Amino acid sequence: MVKNDSGITDTSDLNGKTIGVVQAAPTKDALQPVVSKINVSFSQYPSAREAKAALDSGITDAFAIGCSILNGYLDDTTMILPNKYSPQPLGVATKLGNKVLATYINNLINKWLQDGTIETLTSKYNI
């Protein structure tokens, strides 16, 4: 994610820039091969909220984390670059022992996989 007015439209435009990442997330390691041919630095933050605040305030030039999380921070002043890197599967967790809820969610996800709902949503939200 970058500011709309940053002039950054592609990963290669991050040369000489600083990317904000969350300390516990695998983002920095996943980005290393993508940015290995350009000069970037990373600033690590305790949370996505703080990494986004660093972008908003101009401390960093970009904010990187998984697309599903990044979409939650998208606003009128920012955009998500089209480049994808290191896709990671997501899952749904329920309280151990809550078999009724787990079965319901599993059935719903399977239905959505079969009827194309998952594909539609992932395309719509660019995740």
Protein backbone atom coordinates (compact mmCIF):
# COMPACT_ATOMS: atom_id res chain seq x y z
CA MET A 1 0.00 0.00 0.00
CA VAL A 2 1.26 3.46 -0.89
CA LYS A 3 -0.10 6.99 -0.83
CA ASN A 4 -1.97 7.91 -4.02
CA ASP A 5 0.25 10.93 -4.58
CA SER A 6 3.55 9.08 -3.99
CA GLY A 7 4.27 8.38 -7.65
CA ILE A 8 4.82 4.72 -6.71
CA THR A 9 2.95 2.40 -9.07
CA ASP A 10 5.07 -0.75 -9.00
CA THR A 11 7.47 -2.57 -6.70
CA SER A 12 10.43 -1.26 -8.70
CA ASP A 13 9.42 2.29 -7.73
CA LEU A 14 10.27 1.42 -4.11
CA ASN A 15 13.99 1.79 -4.80
CA GLY A 16 15.44 3.95 -2.02
CA LYS A 17 12.18 3.82 -0.06
CA THR A 18 11.15 2.52 3.36
CA ILE A 19 8.50 -0.16 3.75
CA GLY A 20 6.57 -0.48 7.00
CA VAL A 21 5.87 -4.04 8.12
CA VAL A 22 4.44 -5.69 11.24
CA GLN A 23 7.07 -7.31 13.47
CA ALA A 24 5.33 -10.67 13.93
CA ALA A 25 4.13 -11.01 10.33
CA PRO A 26 6.11 -12.95 7.69
CA THR A 27 5.88 -9.99 5.32
CA LYS A 28 9.49 -8.81 5.51
CA ASP A 29 10.85 -12.29 4.76
CA ALA A 30 8.34 -12.76 1.95
CA LEU A 31 9.30 -9.44 0.38
CA GLN A 32 13.07 -10.02 0.47
CA PRO A 33 13.22 -11.93 -2.85
CA VAL A 34 10.91 -9.39 -4.51
CA VAL A 35 13.01 -6.36 -3.53
CA SER A 36 16.44 -8.00 -3.62
CA LYS A 37 17.45 -6.15 -6.79
CA ILE A 38 16.52 -2.72 -5.44
CA ASN A 39 17.53 -0.78 -2.36
CA VAL A 40 14.78 -0.70 0.27
CA SER A 41 14.76 -0.48 4.03
CA PHE A 42 12.21 -1.87 6.42
CA SER A 43 10.70 -0.29 9.51
CA GLN A 44 9.00 -2.78 11.81
CA TYR A 45 5.96 -1.91 13.91
CA PRO A 46 4.13 -3.79 16.66
CA SER A 47 0.80 -3.70 14.78
CA ALA A 48 -0.74 -3.06 11.39
CA ARG A 49 -2.43 0.04 12.81
CA GLU A 50 0.96 1.52 13.69
CA ALA A 51 2.46 0.57 10.32
CA LYS A 52 -0.46 2.31 8.56
CA ALA A 53 -0.03 5.38 10.78
CA ALA A 54 3.65 5.52 9.75
CA LEU A 55 2.58 5.53 6.09
CA ASP A 56 -0.07 8.19 6.73
CA SER A 57 2.41 10.45 8.50
CA GLY A 58 5.12 10.02 5.86
CA ILE A 59 7.54 8.10 8.09
CA THR A 60 7.41 5.21 5.61
CA ASP A 61 6.76 5.18 1.88
CA ALA A 62 4.81 1.93 1.80
CA PHE A 63 2.97 -0.47 4.10
CA ALA A 64 3.04 -4.19 3.39
CA ILE A 65 1.06 -7.04 4.92
CA GLY A 66 -1.32 -9.68 3.57
CA CYS A 67 -3.95 -8.35 1.16
CA SER A 68 -6.88 -9.41 3.31
CA ILE A 69 -5.57 -7.19 6.12
CA LEU A 70 -4.34 -4.44 3.81
CA ASN A 71 -7.82 -4.01 2.33
CA GLY A 72 -9.09 -3.11 5.79
CA TYR A 73 -6.71 -0.12 5.87
CA LEU A 74 -7.42 1.13 2.35
CA ASP A 75 -8.82 4.67 2.25
CA ASP A 76 -9.22 7.57 -0.18
CA THR A 77 -5.56 8.59 0.21
CA THR A 78 -4.00 5.18 -0.46
CA MET A 79 -3.84 2.44 -3.07
CA ILE A 80 -2.68 -1.15 -3.13
CA LEU A 81 0.01 -1.92 -5.68
CA PRO A 82 -0.91 -4.63 -8.19
CA ASN A 83 2.19 -6.73 -7.44
CA LYS A 84 1.58 -9.97 -5.56
CA TYR A 85 4.16 -11.88 -3.59
CA SER A 86 4.20 -15.06 -1.54
CA PRO A 87 0.49 -15.90 -1.35
CA GLN A 88 -0.41 -17.48 1.96
CA PRO A 89 -3.48 -19.59 2.65
CA LEU A 90 -6.01 -18.32 5.14
CA GLY A 91 -8.25 -20.33 7.40
CA VAL A 92 -11.10 -20.01 9.83
CA ALA A 93 -10.70 -20.99 13.47
CA THR A 94 -13.39 -21.80 16.01
CA LYS A 95 -13.25 -22.58 19.68
CA LEU A 96 -12.00 -26.12 20.23
CA GLY A 97 -14.95 -28.37 20.89
CA ASN A 98 -17.53 -26.20 19.12
CA LYS A 99 -18.26 -28.83 16.52
CA VAL A 100 -21.63 -27.36 15.54
CA LEU A 101 -20.09 -24.04 14.52
CA ALA A 102 -17.09 -25.70 12.85
CA THR A 103 -19.38 -27.97 10.81
CA TYR A 104 -21.59 -25.03 9.81
CA ILE A 105 -18.58 -22.96 8.68
CA ASN A 106 -16.99 -25.88 6.82
CA ASN A 107 -20.26 -26.58 4.97
CA LEU A 108 -20.68 -22.91 4.10
CA ILE A 109 -17.12 -22.60 2.79
CA ASN A 110 -17.52 -25.76 0.71
CA LYS A 111 -20.77 -24.39 -0.75
CA TRP A 112 -19.07 -21.10 -1.59
CA LEU A 113 -16.15 -22.91 -3.21
CA GLN A 114 -18.56 -24.89 -5.39
CA ASP A 115 -20.84 -22.01 -6.40
CA GLY A 116 -18.04 -19.53 -7.16
CA THR A 117 -18.69 -17.15 -4.25
CA ILE A 118 -15.12 -17.47 -2.91
CA GLU A 119 -13.66 -16.77 -6.34
CA THR A 120 -15.93 -13.73 -6.78
CA LEU A 121 -15.01 -12.30 -3.39
CA THR A 122 -11.26 -12.85 -3.76
CA SER A 123 -11.37 -11.14 -7.13
CA LYS A 124 -13.55 -8.26 -5.92
CA TYR A 125 -11.34 -7.53 -2.90
CA ASN A 126 -8.05 -8.34 -4.64
CA ILE A 127 -7.02 -10.96 -2.10
